[in-house]
Amino acid sequence: MKRFAKLIFLIIVLFLTSEGFVFAKEPYTLSKGSLERKEILDALRQGLKHFPDDYSLDFKYQREDIKIKPGKIIFKVKYLKVLNQWAWIEAEVQDWCCANILALLYKENSKWTVKGMVNPHYVVCKDFTACIDVKAYLYKTFTEQFPSVAPEMLPKVHPLRNAILVNAISDNDYYIRFISNLVANILKK
C-alpha cells in the first residue's frame, strides 16, 4: 500500500511540474514533439490561411502580396513561450522568403486560436522612429492591445539595442532592418 501511495504522489508531482500545468507562474517553452506545441502550430497554420485579412490587428504593410499561399506550411520556430492560456510564437515559414511570423494565441475551451499575427519584415510603423527597432514596437503594440498578456512572455529587448540602432539611422529601410538584426544577434551572445 505504501508503494502505491508513493507512486500516486510521484504521478501528481510529475503532473504538476509538467509543461501542461495550467497555472504556471513563469513562461515556459514547450518541447519539440509535445501535443500542445503541435496544437499551437496547427492553429498558427489555420491562421495563416486568413492572414493578413484576419488577425492583423490593423497593421498595415509595405507590400500587398504578403499572403502565404495554402499548402504544406512548415515552421522553423525561433521563439515559443506559454503562460497560463496565452502563447507567443516567432517563426519562419520554411521555403518562403521573408515570411516571418510573430503571433499571439489564446487557449479557449481546450483549443488554441490566433488572436493577432504580424509579419515584421513588411509592417508599417506609426512613425519612422518606431521602426528603428520593429520588434520592440510590435511587442509594445501587442501588450497594449492585450493587457492581460504578461510582458515576460515576449522576448527581452536589450536596453542598449535601441541606442545602437538610433546611431545607425539611415534613409534606407533595408539597411536599418539589416543593422537591427545584426545588433540583435550580437546582443544575444
Protein backbone atom coordinates (compact mmCIF):
# COMPACT_ATOMS: atom_id res chain seq x y z
CA MET A 1 0.00 0.00 0.00
CA LYS A 2 2.88 2.40 0.78
CA ARG A 3 4.39 1.79 -2.66
CA PHE A 4 1.05 2.58 -4.27
CA ALA A 5 0.76 5.80 -2.27
CA LYS A 6 4.32 6.80 -3.27
CA LEU A 7 3.53 6.05 -6.89
CA ILE A 8 0.38 8.19 -6.80
CA PHE A 9 2.32 11.00 -5.10
CA LEU A 10 5.04 10.80 -7.77
CA ILE A 11 2.46 10.93 -10.56
CA ILE A 12 0.83 14.00 -9.01
CA VAL A 13 4.20 15.76 -8.63
CA LEU A 14 5.12 14.95 -12.23
CA PHE A 15 1.77 16.23 -13.46
CA LEU A 16 2.02 19.49 -11.55
CA THR A 17 5.55 20.19 -12.77
CA SER A 18 4.96 19.15 -16.37
CA GLU A 19 4.69 21.64 -19.21
CA GLY A 20 0.94 21.18 -19.27
CA PHE A 21 0.39 22.71 -15.84
CA VAL A 22 -2.30 25.34 -16.33
CA PHE A 23 -1.35 27.73 -13.55
CA ALA A 24 2.32 28.32 -14.26
CA LYS A 25 3.86 31.41 -12.68
CA GLU A 26 6.65 31.78 -15.23
CA PRO A 27 6.53 31.49 -19.02
CA TYR A 28 7.74 28.13 -20.23
CA THR A 29 8.86 26.63 -23.52
CA LEU A 30 7.06 23.66 -24.97
CA SER A 31 9.32 20.80 -26.00
CA LYS A 32 9.52 19.69 -29.62
CA GLY A 33 7.01 16.97 -30.33
CA SER A 34 4.71 17.84 -27.44
CA LEU A 35 0.98 17.71 -28.10
CA GLU A 36 0.41 21.30 -27.00
CA ARG A 37 3.19 22.60 -29.28
CA LYS A 38 1.63 20.71 -32.20
CA GLU A 39 -1.79 22.23 -31.38
CA ILE A 40 -0.29 25.75 -31.33
CA LEU A 41 1.47 25.23 -34.68
CA ASP A 42 -1.72 23.79 -36.21
CA ALA A 43 -3.68 26.85 -35.02
CA LEU A 44 -0.98 29.09 -36.49
CA ARG A 45 -1.24 27.25 -39.84
CA GLN A 46 -5.00 27.80 -39.83
CA GLY A 47 -4.50 31.47 -39.01
CA LEU A 48 -2.04 31.93 -41.88
CA LYS A 49 -4.71 30.83 -44.35
CA HIS A 50 -6.65 34.01 -43.49
CA PHE A 51 -3.71 36.35 -42.89
CA PRO A 52 -3.44 39.34 -43.37
CA ASP A 53 -7.20 39.74 -43.89
CA ASP A 54 -7.84 38.43 -40.38
CA TYR A 55 -5.72 38.62 -37.21
CA SER A 56 -3.67 41.60 -38.42
CA LEU A 57 -4.73 43.95 -35.56
CA ASP A 58 -4.95 46.80 -38.08
CA PHE A 59 -1.28 46.58 -39.01
CA LYS A 60 -0.54 47.93 -42.49
CA TYR A 61 2.11 46.51 -44.78
CA GLN A 62 4.58 47.92 -47.32
CA ARG A 63 3.53 45.21 -49.78
CA GLU A 64 0.14 43.83 -50.67
CA ASP A 65 1.36 40.37 -51.61
CA ILE A 66 2.36 39.08 -48.17
CA LYS A 67 -0.31 36.39 -48.09
CA ILE A 68 1.13 32.88 -47.86
CA LYS A 69 -0.41 30.50 -50.35
CA PRO A 70 -2.13 27.44 -48.90
CA GLY A 71 -0.23 24.21 -48.98
CA LYS A 72 2.12 22.41 -46.67
CA ILE A 73 3.34 25.01 -44.20
CA ILE A 74 6.40 24.06 -42.18
CA PHE A 75 7.63 26.34 -39.42
CA LYS A 76 11.10 26.95 -38.08
CA VAL A 77 10.24 28.05 -34.56
CA LYS A 78 12.56 30.75 -33.27
CA TYR A 79 10.74 31.51 -30.00
CA LEU A 80 7.77 29.97 -28.22
CA LYS A 81 6.61 30.76 -24.70
CA VAL A 82 3.40 29.82 -22.93
CA LEU A 83 1.94 31.28 -19.77
CA ASN A 84 -1.47 30.27 -18.49
CA GLN A 85 -3.80 30.41 -21.51
CA TRP A 86 -1.55 32.58 -23.71
CA ALA A 87 1.21 31.64 -26.16
CA TRP A 88 3.66 33.88 -28.03
CA ILE A 89 5.42 32.45 -31.05
CA GLU A 90 8.01 33.75 -33.50
CA ALA A 91 8.60 31.52 -36.51
CA GLU A 92 9.81 31.49 -40.08
CA VAL A 93 7.77 29.79 -42.74
CA GLN A 94 10.11 27.35 -44.44
CA ASP A 95 10.64 27.83 -48.20
CA TRP A 96 9.14 31.36 -48.15
CA CYS A 97 11.41 34.36 -48.39
CA CYS A 98 10.79 36.97 -45.71
CA ALA A 99 7.81 35.12 -44.22
CA ASN A 100 8.50 35.65 -40.55
CA ILE A 101 5.50 35.50 -38.28
CA LEU A 102 5.00 36.85 -34.79
CA ALA A 103 1.73 35.68 -33.26
CA LEU A 104 -0.26 35.70 -30.07
CA LEU A 105 -2.56 32.75 -29.39
CA TYR A 106 -5.11 32.07 -26.68
CA LYS A 107 -6.47 28.75 -25.44
CA GLU A 108 -10.26 28.75 -25.20
CA ASN A 109 -12.24 25.62 -24.40
CA SER A 110 -9.11 23.45 -24.85
CA LYS A 111 -8.47 24.87 -28.33
CA TRP A 112 -5.72 27.29 -29.37
CA THR A 113 -6.82 30.24 -31.51
CA VAL A 114 -4.84 33.07 -33.07
CA LYS A 115 -5.61 36.48 -31.57
CA GLY A 116 -3.09 38.52 -33.51
CA MET A 117 -0.40 37.98 -36.12
CA VAL A 118 2.15 40.17 -37.88
CA ASN A 119 4.97 39.87 -40.41
CA PRO A 120 7.73 42.13 -39.02
CA HIS A 121 9.59 42.37 -42.34
CA TYR A 122 6.91 44.42 -44.09
CA VAL A 123 4.91 46.05 -41.33
CA VAL A 124 4.47 49.82 -41.47
CA CYS A 125 5.05 51.55 -38.14
CA LYS A 126 3.14 54.61 -36.99
CA ASP A 127 6.30 56.68 -37.32
CA PHE A 128 9.83 56.17 -38.61
CA THR A 129 11.50 56.07 -35.19
CA ALA A 130 9.22 53.23 -34.03
CA CYS A 131 10.52 51.07 -36.88
CA ILE A 132 14.12 51.51 -35.85
CA ASP A 133 13.52 48.57 -33.53
CA VAL A 134 10.48 47.00 -35.17
CA LYS A 135 10.23 44.03 -32.80
CA ALA A 136 10.23 46.26 -29.71
CA TYR A 137 7.49 48.31 -31.39
CA LEU A 138 5.46 45.17 -32.12
CA TYR A 139 5.88 43.77 -28.59
CA LYS A 140 4.66 47.06 -27.17
CA THR A 141 1.70 47.16 -29.59
CA PHE A 142 0.63 43.61 -28.69
CA THR A 143 0.84 44.22 -24.93
CA GLU A 144 -1.21 47.42 -25.34
CA GLN A 145 -3.86 45.57 -27.39
CA PHE A 146 -3.94 42.61 -24.96
CA PRO A 147 -3.25 43.96 -21.46
CA SER A 148 -3.84 40.55 -19.82
CA VAL A 149 -0.76 39.15 -21.59
CA ALA A 150 2.22 39.05 -19.25
CA PRO A 151 5.08 41.08 -20.81
CA GLU A 152 7.60 38.47 -19.63
CA MET A 153 6.16 36.07 -22.23
CA LEU A 154 7.67 38.15 -25.01
CA PRO A 155 11.39 38.13 -25.80
CA LYS A 156 13.50 40.55 -23.83
CA VAL A 157 14.69 43.63 -25.68
CA HIS A 158 18.24 44.52 -24.65
CA PRO A 159 18.35 48.10 -23.27
CA LEU A 160 21.33 49.03 -25.46
CA ARG A 161 19.66 47.80 -28.63
CA ASN A 162 17.66 50.96 -29.33
CA ALA A 163 20.61 53.26 -28.59
CA ILE A 164 22.79 51.37 -31.07
CA LEU A 165 20.08 51.40 -33.70
CA VAL A 166 19.36 55.11 -33.31
CA ASN A 167 23.03 55.82 -34.06
CA ALA A 168 22.78 53.70 -37.22
CA ILE A 169 19.80 55.55 -38.72
CA SER A 170 19.79 55.73 -42.47
CA ASP A 171 17.19 56.65 -45.07
CA ASN A 172 17.45 53.13 -46.43
CA ASP A 173 14.85 50.95 -44.64
CA TYR A 174 16.56 47.71 -45.70
CA TYR A 175 19.82 48.90 -44.13
CA ILE A 176 18.05 49.69 -40.85
CA ARG A 177 16.45 46.24 -40.67
CA PHE A 178 19.80 44.62 -41.52
CA ILE A 179 21.53 46.55 -38.72
CA SER A 180 18.62 45.73 -36.36
CA ASN A 181 19.04 42.00 -36.94
CA LEU A 182 22.82 42.25 -36.67
CA VAL A 183 22.60 44.09 -33.33
CA ALA A 184 20.05 41.56 -32.04
CA ASN A 185 22.40 38.69 -32.86
CA ILE A 186 25.39 40.42 -31.25
CA LEU A 187 23.48 41.18 -28.05
CA LYS A 188 22.26 37.57 -27.77
CA LYS A 189 25.86 36.33 -27.42
